[in-house]
Amino acid sequence: MDSGPRPLADPGMTSPGAGVRPKLLFLVTEDWYFWSHRLPVARAARDAGFEIVVATRVQAHGERIRGEGFRLCPLGWRRRGDGLIGAVRAVADIARLYRAERPDIVHHVALKPVLFGAMAARLAFPRGRGMPARLSAVMGLGGGLAARGALARMERRLLGGALRLAAGGGHVVVQNPEDGAALTRFGVDRTRIALIRGSGVDTAHFQSLPEPTGEPIAIAFVGRMLRSKGVLDTVAALRKLRERGLAVELLLAGSSDDNRDSLSEAELRTLDAEPSITWLGRVEDVRIVWQRAAIAVLPTSYGEGVPLALLEAAACARPIIASDTPGCREIVRDGETGLLVPPHDVDALADAVAALDPALRRAMGAAGRTLVERDFAAPLIAEQTLALYRDLLRARADRR
């Protein structure tokens, strides 16, 4: 596979009208998520000749997005909690945007944009004329569908039907095989599902770092401060390790969230006041964290394709202790790049941290760096995604 994007020179690769660049519209809930997870692909598409439009809720990254030469279309929705009226309003707003922009491709990123974006496209182009090609990025299905009971079964049936409709006529991208299997069980055409592992890591920016020296040994949790991700499990494991007499400290890097599952700032400040725990808040450049921390931890991960925080840690040559769940298994090869533990198992998490002596940490960190360079580097992920864009444009041209 080529290391960089190819020019858009194939027949059918331009919009109607000579010399018009194809328009690619990203639909993402939050501007920070686009910036952290989709920027490498958007840059590659821009450099390959696409006009880039980003539709998202704008909070802190609007000027940066515009600075890349992308057009920004602010939306009023949120990642969670819109309610029925808010959802209807959001779909209508997106439909108006699609009618105005008339993109050639829409890239719907994550479950809510996939579902809302598909409804909006049908509302905007009820007869199909002018309908953009769709690329739907679906993450986190494989580990989040285990709930039992009649209500859970009903929710899965509704979700399956919605995803079949959303995926129709386009490609669906998943980041781990379990998500692909879940979509297949939902009845999504297997030939429309593409596996692209992760969002891409800038391996020039996130370089291998020497392990910190001295004591205490620092472990770090990087991400949103959600209970469901195991923040409190990590704290409990640290306390057990301290009780055993191990010189270890914990760095928490991430902010509170409007998610109801998030720890509040007051709760995080209380943890920060505890000996050997430091809450860093939001860290703009997480290399600062990996300069201080020797081990990355993520005790629980549901609803993610491949956690970007773990990819960045591995790129910095840090061993990882993570939950044995879909997504984490893509980057944590048990015993090679880190250790896998059962979700919410505090004792197993503490034992895993204690087991990583300096020699193991260095060996696993080096193996993780090699894996990222081989399978998760940003140019590789970008080229795989650009290949799907090209397929979508050719198919759209054929339909015309």
Protein backbone atom coordinates (compact mmCIF):
# COMPACT_ATOMS: atom_id res chain seq x y z
CA MET A 1 0.00 0.00 0.00
CA ASP A 2 1.25 3.51 -0.81
CA SER A 3 2.47 5.59 2.11
CA GLY A 4 0.60 8.72 1.01
CA PRO A 5 -2.63 9.74 -0.72
CA ARG A 6 -2.90 9.41 -4.49
CA PRO A 7 -4.26 12.26 -6.62
CA LEU A 8 -7.93 12.09 -7.55
CA ALA A 9 -7.25 11.37 -11.20
CA ASP A 10 -9.49 8.39 -11.88
CA PRO A 11 -12.56 8.71 -14.11
CA GLY A 12 -15.61 9.80 -12.15
CA MET A 13 -13.54 11.22 -9.31
CA THR A 14 -14.73 14.81 -9.67
CA SER A 15 -18.09 16.41 -9.11
CA PRO A 16 -20.26 17.39 -12.09
CA GLY A 17 -18.55 20.22 -13.94
CA ALA A 18 -14.98 20.21 -15.10
CA GLY A 19 -12.40 21.01 -12.47
CA VAL A 20 -14.83 21.00 -9.53
CA ARG A 21 -13.35 19.41 -6.44
CA PRO A 22 -15.44 16.67 -4.81
CA LYS A 23 -16.97 17.86 -1.55
CA LEU A 24 -16.52 15.74 1.56
CA LEU A 25 -18.61 16.60 4.63
CA PHE A 26 -17.75 15.22 8.07
CA LEU A 27 -20.70 14.98 10.48
CA VAL A 28 -19.34 14.75 14.04
CA THR A 29 -21.01 15.55 17.35
CA GLU A 30 -18.18 17.59 18.93
CA ASP A 31 -15.40 19.71 17.46
CA TRP A 32 -12.82 18.29 19.88
CA TYR A 33 -13.61 14.77 18.69
CA PHE A 34 -13.10 15.74 15.06
CA TRP A 35 -9.80 17.40 15.97
CA SER A 36 -8.49 14.47 18.00
CA HIS A 37 -9.80 11.57 15.91
CA ARG A 38 -10.44 12.66 12.28
CA LEU A 39 -7.90 15.35 11.54
CA PRO A 40 -5.29 13.08 9.84
CA VAL A 41 -7.87 11.66 7.42
CA ALA A 42 -9.36 15.10 6.71
CA ARG A 43 -5.91 16.53 5.98
CA ALA A 44 -5.12 13.64 3.64
CA ALA A 45 -8.42 14.11 1.81
CA ARG A 46 -7.78 17.85 1.47
CA ASP A 47 -4.31 17.17 0.08
CA ALA A 48 -5.80 14.63 -2.32
CA GLY A 49 -8.11 17.26 -3.80
CA PHE A 50 -11.29 17.23 -1.71
CA GLU A 51 -13.10 20.27 -0.44
CA ILE A 52 -13.63 19.63 3.28
CA VAL A 53 -16.68 20.70 5.28
CA VAL A 54 -17.00 19.92 8.99
CA ALA A 55 -20.46 19.97 10.62
CA THR A 56 -20.27 19.74 14.40
CA ARG A 57 -21.03 21.42 17.69
CA VAL A 58 -18.37 24.10 18.08
CA GLN A 59 -16.81 24.72 21.47
CA ALA A 60 -13.03 25.16 21.59
CA HIS A 61 -11.58 24.04 18.24
CA GLY A 62 -13.44 26.13 15.68
CA GLU A 63 -10.55 28.40 14.74
CA ARG A 64 -8.15 25.47 14.49
CA ILE A 65 -10.50 23.66 12.13
CA ARG A 66 -10.88 26.75 9.96
CA GLY A 67 -7.12 27.22 10.08
CA GLU A 68 -6.73 23.90 8.25
CA GLY A 69 -8.65 25.35 5.30
CA PHE A 70 -11.83 23.44 6.19
CA ARG A 71 -15.24 25.11 6.15
CA LEU A 72 -17.00 24.84 9.51
CA CYS A 73 -20.77 24.52 9.90
CA PRO A 74 -21.80 24.83 13.57
CA LEU A 75 -24.61 22.59 14.82
CA GLY A 76 -26.63 22.97 18.01
CA TRP A 77 -26.79 19.31 19.00
CA ARG A 78 -24.89 17.50 21.74
CA ARG A 79 -23.32 14.08 22.01
CA ARG A 80 -26.02 13.05 24.51
CA GLY A 81 -29.24 14.34 25.99
CA ASP A 82 -30.98 16.11 23.10
CA GLY A 83 -34.35 14.52 23.89
CA LEU A 84 -37.03 13.81 21.28
CA ILE A 85 -37.65 17.45 20.37
CA GLY A 86 -33.94 18.17 20.20
CA ALA A 87 -33.38 15.08 18.04
CA VAL A 88 -36.07 16.12 15.56
CA ARG A 89 -34.62 19.62 15.43
CA ALA A 90 -31.11 18.23 14.88
CA VAL A 91 -32.21 15.99 12.00
CA ALA A 92 -34.02 18.91 10.37
CA ASP A 93 -30.98 21.17 10.75
CA ILE A 94 -28.70 18.55 9.21
CA ALA A 95 -31.13 18.00 6.33
CA ARG A 96 -31.15 21.75 5.59
CA LEU A 97 -27.36 21.72 5.68
CA TYR A 98 -27.19 18.79 3.25
CA ARG A 99 -29.58 20.50 0.83
CA ALA A 100 -27.50 23.68 0.97
CA GLU A 101 -24.08 22.04 0.70
CA ARG A 102 -24.93 19.14 -1.62
CA PRO A 103 -21.82 17.16 -0.67
CA ASP A 104 -20.56 14.31 -2.80
CA ILE A 105 -19.71 12.24 0.29
CA VAL A 106 -20.84 12.50 3.89
CA HIS A 107 -18.67 10.80 6.49
CA HIS A 108 -20.85 10.11 9.52
CA VAL A 109 -18.60 9.55 12.53
CA ALA A 110 -19.95 7.50 15.49
CA LEU A 111 -23.40 6.12 16.19
CA LYS A 112 -25.45 9.29 16.67
CA PRO A 113 -24.19 11.00 13.48
CA VAL A 114 -24.65 7.72 11.59
CA LEU A 115 -28.32 7.47 12.58
CA PHE A 116 -29.21 11.17 12.49
CA GLY A 117 -27.20 11.75 9.31
CA ALA A 118 -28.92 8.90 7.45
CA MET A 119 -32.36 10.25 8.38
CA ALA A 120 -31.33 13.75 7.37
CA ALA A 121 -30.04 12.58 3.99
CA ARG A 122 -33.33 10.87 3.21
CA LEU A 123 -35.25 13.95 4.32
CA ALA A 124 -33.06 16.26 2.25
CA PHE A 125 -33.17 14.09 -0.91
CA PRO A 126 -36.45 12.14 -0.73
CA ARG A 127 -36.29 11.04 -4.38
CA GLY A 128 -32.62 10.16 -4.24
CA ARG A 129 -31.56 12.81 -6.75
CA GLY A 130 -28.44 14.51 -5.45
CA MET A 131 -28.12 12.05 -2.55
CA PRO A 132 -24.51 12.04 -1.29
CA ALA A 133 -22.58 8.82 -0.93
CA ARG A 134 -22.30 7.79 2.73
CA LEU A 135 -19.46 6.43 4.79
CA SER A 136 -20.63 5.42 8.26
CA ALA A 137 -18.07 4.96 11.02
CA VAL A 138 -19.56 2.72 13.72
CA MET A 139 -17.54 2.05 16.87
CA GLY A 140 -18.07 0.20 20.10
CA LEU A 141 -20.84 -2.28 19.23
CA GLY A 142 -18.97 -5.50 19.92
CA GLY A 143 -18.55 -4.98 23.66
CA GLY A 144 -21.69 -3.05 24.45
CA LEU A 145 -24.46 -5.45 23.44
CA ALA A 146 -24.23 -7.98 26.24
CA ALA A 147 -27.11 -6.70 28.39
CA ARG A 148 -29.86 -9.24 28.96
CA GLY A 149 -33.61 -8.95 29.34
CA ALA A 150 -36.62 -8.07 27.20
CA LEU A 151 -35.85 -4.33 27.10
CA ALA A 152 -32.26 -4.96 26.00
CA ARG A 153 -33.45 -7.32 23.25
CA MET A 154 -35.94 -4.72 22.03
CA GLU A 155 -33.25 -2.04 22.01
CA ARG A 156 -30.96 -4.29 20.00
CA ARG A 157 -33.70 -4.98 17.43
CA LEU A 158 -34.40 -1.26 17.06
CA LEU A 159 -30.71 -0.47 16.79
CA GLY A 160 -30.21 -3.23 14.23
CA GLY A 161 -33.03 -1.94 12.06
CA ALA A 162 -31.75 1.61 12.26
CA LEU A 163 -28.22 0.56 11.34
CA ARG A 164 -29.42 -1.47 8.35
CA LEU A 165 -31.22 1.60 7.03
CA ALA A 166 -28.28 3.88 7.83
CA ALA A 167 -25.78 1.57 6.12
CA GLY A 168 -27.82 1.04 2.98
CA GLY A 169 -26.22 2.45 -0.14
CA GLY A 170 -22.83 3.17 1.40
CA HIS A 171 -19.88 1.68 3.24
CA VAL A 172 -19.62 1.07 6.97
CA VAL A 173 -16.24 1.34 8.70
CA VAL A 174 -15.49 -0.54 11.91
CA GLN A 175 -12.29 -0.47 13.94
CA ASN A 176 -12.29 -4.01 15.32
CA PRO A 177 -13.60 -7.38 14.13
CA GLU A 178 -16.17 -7.67 16.95
CA ASP A 179 -17.96 -4.55 15.73
CA GLY A 180 -18.02 -5.98 12.21
CA ALA A 181 -19.51 -9.23 13.51
CA ALA A 182 -22.15 -7.30 15.45
CA LEU A 183 -23.19 -5.40 12.31
CA THR A 184 -23.38 -8.65 10.36
CA ARG A 185 -25.68 -10.10 13.03
CA PHE A 186 -27.83 -7.00 12.65
CA GLY A 187 -28.22 -7.85 8.97
CA VAL A 188 -25.85 -5.30 7.45
CA ASP A 189 -24.44 -6.55 4.15
CA ARG A 190 -21.02 -8.02 4.90
CA THR A 191 -19.61 -6.69 1.62
CA ARG A 192 -20.33 -3.12 2.76
CA ILE A 193 -18.32 -3.45 5.98
CA ALA A 194 -14.67 -2.34 5.95
CA LEU A 195 -12.22 -2.86 8.80
CA ILE A 196 -9.88 0.10 9.38
CA ARG A 197 -8.17 -0.19 12.74
CA GLY A 198 -8.18 3.07 14.63
CA SER A 199 -8.10 6.75 13.75
CA GLY A 200 -4.41 6.95 12.93
CA VAL A 201 -1.48 8.08 15.08
CA ASP A 202 1.10 10.68 14.12
CA THR A 203 4.19 8.60 14.86
CA ALA A 204 6.49 11.57 14.19
CA HIS A 205 4.73 13.60 16.89
CA PHE A 206 4.25 10.71 19.31
CA GLN A 207 7.76 9.32 19.38
CA SER A 208 9.26 6.62 21.56
CA LEU A 209 10.15 8.15 24.94
CA PRO A 210 12.71 6.90 27.45
CA GLU A 211 11.17 5.37 30.55
CA PRO A 212 11.04 7.70 33.56
CA THR A 213 13.63 6.86 36.17
CA GLY A 214 13.39 6.68 39.93
CA GLU A 215 10.45 6.18 42.25
CA PRO A 216 7.56 6.26 42.63
CA ILE A 217 6.54 4.52 39.42
CA ALA A 218 3.74 6.49 37.77
CA ILE A 219 0.76 4.89 36.07
CA ALA A 220 -1.54 7.08 33.98
CA PHE A 221 -5.18 7.05 32.97
CA VAL A 222 -5.80 9.30 29.94
CA GLY A 223 -9.35 9.99 28.79
CA ARG A 224 -12.69 11.35 29.87
CA MET A 225 -13.18 10.94 33.59
CA LEU A 226 -16.02 8.43 33.33
CA ARG A 227 -16.90 5.84 35.92
CA SER A 228 -17.64 3.36 33.14
CA LYS A 229 -14.05 3.67 31.89
CA GLY A 230 -12.75 2.54 35.25
CA VAL A 231 -11.40 5.72 36.81
CA LEU A 232 -12.46 4.63 40.28
CA ASP A 233 -11.23 1.08 39.64
CA THR A 234 -7.82 2.56 38.88
CA VAL A 235 -7.91 4.56 42.11
CA ALA A 236 -8.88 1.42 44.08
CA ALA A 237 -6.01 -0.54 42.49
CA LEU A 238 -3.57 2.22 43.40
CA ARG A 239 -4.69 2.08 47.03
CA LYS A 240 -4.14 -1.69 47.09
CA LEU A 241 -0.66 -1.29 45.66
CA ARG A 242 0.19 1.34 48.25
CA GLU A 243 -1.06 -0.98 51.00
CA ARG A 244 1.36 -3.61 49.68
CA GLY A 245 4.18 -1.13 50.12
CA LEU A 246 4.79 -0.44 46.40
CA ALA A 247 6.03 3.03 45.52
CA VAL A 248 3.48 3.95 42.85
CA GLU A 249 1.50 7.05 41.93
CA LEU A 250 -1.46 7.72 39.64
CA LEU A 251 -1.87 10.48 37.07
CA LEU A 252 -5.40 11.22 35.86
CA ALA A 253 -5.33 13.16 32.59
CA GLY A 254 -8.71 14.29 31.35
CA SER A 255 -11.58 16.61 32.12
CA SER A 256 -14.98 16.24 33.65
CA ASP A 257 -17.75 15.73 31.10
CA ASP A 258 -21.42 16.59 30.60
CA ASN A 259 -22.05 12.85 30.54
CA ARG A 260 -24.04 11.74 33.58
CA ASP A 261 -21.46 8.99 34.05
CA SER A 262 -18.66 11.51 34.53
CA LEU A 263 -17.00 12.29 37.80
CA SER A 264 -17.62 15.90 38.80
CA GLU A 265 -14.86 18.44 39.19
CA ALA A 266 -15.47 18.37 42.94
CA GLU A 267 -15.01 14.59 43.02
CA LEU A 268 -11.84 14.86 40.95
CA ARG A 269 -10.44 17.57 43.22
CA THR A 270 -11.10 15.28 46.19
CA LEU A 271 -9.13 12.51 44.49
CA ASP A 272 -6.37 14.97 43.66
CA ALA A 273 -6.03 15.79 47.37
CA GLU A 274 -5.29 12.14 48.13
CA PRO A 275 -1.61 11.19 48.48
CA SER A 276 -0.11 9.71 45.30
CA ILE A 277 -3.00 10.83 43.04
CA THR A 278 -2.66 13.81 40.71
CA TRP A 279 -5.54 15.05 38.58
CA LEU A 280 -4.00 16.95 35.67
CA GLY A 281 -7.26 18.01 34.04
CA ARG A 282 -7.36 18.25 30.27
CA VAL A 283 -3.86 17.87 28.82
CA GLU A 284 -3.42 19.36 25.37
CA ASP A 285 -0.31 17.34 24.53
CA VAL A 286 -0.33 13.94 26.24
CA ARG A 287 3.36 13.42 25.55
CA ILE A 288 3.77 15.38 28.79
CA VAL A 289 1.94 12.58 30.58
CA TRP A 290 4.06 9.82 29.04
CA GLN A 291 7.25 11.65 29.95
CA ARG A 292 6.16 11.20 33.59
CA ALA A 293 4.30 7.88 33.51
CA ALA A 294 5.77 4.41 32.89
CA ILE A 295 2.49 2.47 32.42
CA ALA A 296 -0.81 3.24 30.68
CA VAL A 297 -4.04 1.86 32.15
CA LEU A 298 -7.60 1.61 30.87
CA PRO A 299 -9.51 -0.77 33.16
CA THR A 300 -12.75 -0.73 31.16
CA SER A 301 -13.55 0.24 27.59
CA TYR A 302 -16.97 -0.10 25.99
CA GLY A 303 -18.28 1.95 23.11
CA GLU A 304 -14.90 2.49 21.42
CA GLY A 305 -13.42 1.04 18.27
CA VAL A 306 -9.74 1.22 19.21
CA PRO A 307 -9.04 3.66 22.06
CA LEU A 308 -6.89 6.48 20.72
CA ALA A 309 -5.37 7.13 24.15
CA LEU A 310 -3.90 3.63 24.13
CA LEU A 311 -2.52 4.04 20.61
CA GLU A 312 -0.78 7.26 21.63
CA ALA A 313 0.64 5.59 24.74
CA ALA A 314 1.97 2.68 22.68
CA ALA A 315 3.48 5.12 20.17
CA CYS A 316 5.39 6.64 23.09
CA ALA A 317 6.65 3.12 23.98
CA ARG A 318 4.55 2.68 27.09
CA PRO A 319 3.25 -0.77 28.10
CA ILE A 320 -0.51 -0.91 28.55
CA ILE A 321 -2.79 -2.60 31.05
CA ALA A 322 -6.33 -2.63 29.67
CA SER A 323 -9.60 -4.48 29.90
CA ASP A 324 -10.00 -7.66 27.90
CA THR A 325 -12.65 -6.13 25.65
CA PRO A 326 -13.08 -5.44 21.92
CA GLY A 327 -10.94 -2.53 20.79
CA CYS A 328 -8.42 -2.86 23.59
CA ARG A 329 -7.42 -6.26 22.22
CA GLU A 330 -6.40 -4.61 18.93
CA ILE A 331 -3.54 -2.70 20.53
CA VAL A 332 -2.87 -4.76 23.69
CA ARG A 333 -1.45 -8.10 22.65
CA ASP A 334 -1.49 -9.87 26.00
CA GLY A 335 2.02 -10.56 27.22
CA GLU A 336 3.57 -8.75 24.23
CA THR A 337 2.57 -5.07 24.24
CA GLY A 338 0.89 -5.15 27.65
CA LEU A 339 -1.50 -7.11 29.83
CA LEU A 340 -5.25 -7.67 29.55
CA VAL A 341 -7.38 -7.90 32.69
CA PRO A 342 -11.10 -8.58 33.25
CA PRO A 343 -13.19 -5.39 33.32
CA HIS A 344 -13.81 -3.98 36.82
CA ASP A 345 -11.40 -6.48 38.42
CA VAL A 346 -9.45 -4.27 40.81
CA ASP A 347 -7.29 -7.09 42.17
CA ALA A 348 -6.28 -8.21 38.69
CA LEU A 349 -5.46 -4.61 37.75
CA ALA A 350 -3.26 -4.18 40.83
CA ASP A 351 -1.52 -7.51 40.20
CA ALA A 352 -0.82 -6.54 36.58
CA VAL A 353 0.79 -3.25 37.59
CA ALA A 354 2.94 -5.06 40.17
CA ALA A 355 4.00 -7.66 37.58
CA LEU A 356 5.50 -5.12 35.19
CA ASP A 357 9.13 -4.89 36.26
CA PRO A 358 11.47 -2.50 34.39
CA ALA A 359 12.64 -5.13 31.88
CA LEU A 360 9.05 -6.10 30.99
CA ARG A 361 8.02 -2.48 30.71
CA ARG A 362 10.81 -1.72 28.27
CA ALA A 363 10.17 -4.84 26.16
CA MET A 364 6.41 -4.31 25.98
CA GLY A 365 6.82 -0.61 25.27
CA ALA A 366 9.14 -1.34 22.35
CA ALA A 367 6.73 -3.97 20.99
CA GLY A 368 3.83 -1.52 21.25
CA ARG A 369 5.75 1.12 19.33
CA THR A 370 6.53 -1.38 16.57
CA LEU A 371 2.88 -2.41 16.35
CA VAL A 372 1.70 1.19 16.02
CA GLU A 373 4.23 1.92 13.28
CA ARG A 374 3.14 -1.18 11.37
CA ASP A 375 -0.66 -1.13 11.72
CA PHE A 376 -1.89 2.18 13.13
CA ALA A 377 0.22 5.01 11.67
CA ALA A 378 -1.78 7.97 10.36
CA PRO A 379 -0.69 7.70 6.69
CA LEU A 380 -1.79 4.06 6.55
CA ILE A 381 -5.22 4.77 8.08
CA ALA A 382 -5.66 7.81 5.83
CA GLU A 383 -4.88 5.88 2.66
CA GLN A 384 -7.27 3.07 3.60
CA THR A 385 -10.01 5.65 4.15
CA LEU A 386 -9.20 7.51 0.93
CA ALA A 387 -9.58 4.24 -0.95
CA LEU A 388 -13.16 4.00 0.35
CA TYR A 389 -13.85 7.61 -0.68
CA ARG A 390 -12.65 6.78 -4.18
CA ASP A 391 -14.90 3.72 -4.34
CA LEU A 392 -17.88 5.79 -3.20
CA LEU A 393 -17.24 8.51 -5.80
CA ARG A 394 -16.88 5.97 -8.60
CA ALA A 395 -20.10 4.21 -7.56
CA ARG A 396 -21.92 7.55 -7.36
CA ALA A 397 -20.67 8.50 -10.83
CA ASP A 398 -21.82 5.12 -12.21
CA ARG A 399 -25.32 5.66 -10.81
CA ARG A 400 -25.52 8.93 -12.68
